[in-house]
Amino acid sequence: MIQQESKAGIYMLCWTEDIMAEVIYNLRRDRPDLDGGKITRLRDRIAESLKLGSIRTACRRGAQR
């Protein structure tokens, strides 16, 4: 939702693999009941839904403007 709202150019949502690693670390710590497959699928879904905000894509291009 944040990414959809940012299309107006007011702000740019950016994330890195380090940020994603921190999210996964905390998820594993807080939810030890989740198996690795579920965590991997969740990570992939998050990355896919926020792919335009990846430092490797839109954010890098936005910084070059």
C-alpha atoms as a PDB file:
ATOM      1  CA  MET A   1       0.000   0.000   0.000  1.00  0.00           C
ATOM      2  CA  ILE A   2       2.804   2.419   0.810  1.00  0.00           C
ATOM      3  CA  GLN A   3       4.405   1.700  -2.526  1.00  0.00           C
ATOM      4  CA  GLN A   4       1.126   2.318  -4.350  1.00  0.00           C
ATOM      5  CA  GLU A   5       0.668   5.638  -2.582  1.00  0.00           C
ATOM      6  CA  SER A   6       4.207   6.748  -3.399  1.00  0.00           C
ATOM      7  CA  LYS A   7       3.502   6.929  -7.133  1.00  0.00           C
ATOM      8  CA  ALA A   8       2.537  10.570  -6.667  1.00  0.00           C
ATOM      9  CA  GLY A   9       6.233  11.327  -6.089  1.00  0.00           C
ATOM     10  CA  ILE A  10       5.905  12.625  -2.538  1.00  0.00           C
ATOM     11  CA  TYR A  11       8.252   9.958  -1.220  1.00  0.00           C
ATOM     12  CA  MET A  12      10.035   6.849  -2.445  1.00  0.00           C
ATOM     13  CA  LEU A  13       9.935   3.529  -0.631  1.00  0.00           C
ATOM     14  CA  CYS A  14      13.355   1.846  -0.748  1.00  0.00           C
ATOM     15  CA  TRP A  15      14.645  -1.370   0.764  1.00  0.00           C
ATOM     16  CA  THR A  16      17.820  -3.431   0.619  1.00  0.00           C
ATOM     17  CA  GLU A  17      18.685  -7.079   1.135  1.00  0.00           C
ATOM     18  CA  ASP A  18      20.118  -6.062   4.533  1.00  0.00           C
ATOM     19  CA  ILE A  19      16.704  -4.731   5.551  1.00  0.00           C
ATOM     20  CA  MET A  20      15.057  -7.932   4.328  1.00  0.00           C
ATOM     21  CA  ALA A  21      17.583 -10.010   6.295  1.00  0.00           C
ATOM     22  CA  GLU A  22      16.699  -8.053   9.437  1.00  0.00           C
ATOM     23  CA  VAL A  23      12.996  -8.721   8.852  1.00  0.00           C
ATOM     24  CA  ILE A  24      13.634 -12.446   8.393  1.00  0.00           C
ATOM     25  CA  TYR A  25      15.918 -12.590  11.449  1.00  0.00           C
ATOM     26  CA  ASN A  26      13.231 -11.023  13.639  1.00  0.00           C
ATOM     27  CA  LEU A  27      10.516 -13.223  12.153  1.00  0.00           C
ATOM     28  CA  ARG A  28      12.538 -16.356  12.922  1.00  0.00           C
ATOM     29  CA  ARG A  29      13.253 -15.115  16.444  1.00  0.00           C
ATOM     30  CA  ASP A  30       9.641 -14.178  17.164  1.00  0.00           C
ATOM     31  CA  ARG A  31       8.014 -17.114  15.359  1.00  0.00           C
ATOM     32  CA  PRO A  32      10.194 -20.212  15.826  1.00  0.00           C
ATOM     33  CA  ASP A  33       7.141 -22.322  14.954  1.00  0.00           C
ATOM     34  CA  LEU A  34       7.358 -21.300  11.272  1.00  0.00           C
ATOM     35  CA  ASP A  35       9.344 -23.690   9.114  1.00  0.00           C
ATOM     36  CA  GLY A  36      11.967 -22.546   6.630  1.00  0.00           C
ATOM     37  CA  GLY A  37       9.711 -23.092   3.627  1.00  0.00           C
ATOM     38  CA  LYS A  38       7.018 -20.772   4.985  1.00  0.00           C
ATOM     39  CA  ILE A  39       9.565 -18.101   5.808  1.00  0.00           C
ATOM     40  CA  THR A  40      11.109 -18.384   2.348  1.00  0.00           C
ATOM     41  CA  ARG A  41       7.710 -18.044   0.666  1.00  0.00           C
ATOM     42  CA  LEU A  42       6.863 -15.049   2.839  1.00  0.00           C
ATOM     43  CA  ARG A  43      10.195 -13.408   2.027  1.00  0.00           C
ATOM     44  CA  ASP A  44       9.619 -13.985  -1.679  1.00  0.00           C
ATOM     45  CA  ARG A  45       6.099 -12.530  -1.482  1.00  0.00           C
ATOM     46  CA  ILE A  46       7.361  -9.437   0.334  1.00  0.00           C
ATOM     47  CA  ALA A  47      10.160  -8.947  -2.203  1.00  0.00           C
ATOM     48  CA  GLU A  48       7.757  -9.388  -5.119  1.00  0.00           C
ATOM     49  CA  SER A  49       5.215  -6.928  -3.728  1.00  0.00           C
ATOM     50  CA  LEU A  50       7.935  -4.344  -3.038  1.00  0.00           C
ATOM     51  CA  LYS A  51      10.141  -5.037  -6.064  1.00  0.00           C
ATOM     52  CA  LEU A  52       9.826  -1.483  -7.358  1.00  0.00           C
ATOM     53  CA  GLY A  53      11.325  -0.241  -4.104  1.00  0.00           C
ATOM     54  CA  SER A  54      14.416  -2.403  -4.230  1.00  0.00           C
ATOM     55  CA  ILE A  55      17.657  -0.445  -4.185  1.00  0.00           C
ATOM     56  CA  ARG A  56      18.630  -2.497  -7.243  1.00  0.00           C
ATOM     57  CA  THR A  57      15.693  -1.134  -9.275  1.00  0.00           C
ATOM     58  CA  ALA A  58      13.634   2.030  -8.890  1.00  0.00           C
ATOM     59  CA  CYS A  59      15.445   3.596  -5.956  1.00  0.00           C
ATOM     60  CA  ARG A  60      18.780   3.520  -7.742  1.00  0.00           C
ATOM     61  CA  ARG A  61      17.183   5.053 -10.831  1.00  0.00           C
ATOM     62  CA  GLY A  62      15.405   7.646  -8.679  1.00  0.00           C
ATOM     63  CA  ALA A  63      18.666   8.728  -7.064  1.00  0.00           C
ATOM     64  CA  GLN A  64      20.178   9.335 -10.491  1.00  0.00           C
ATOM     65  CA  ARG A  65      17.543  11.888 -11.460  1.00  0.00           C
END
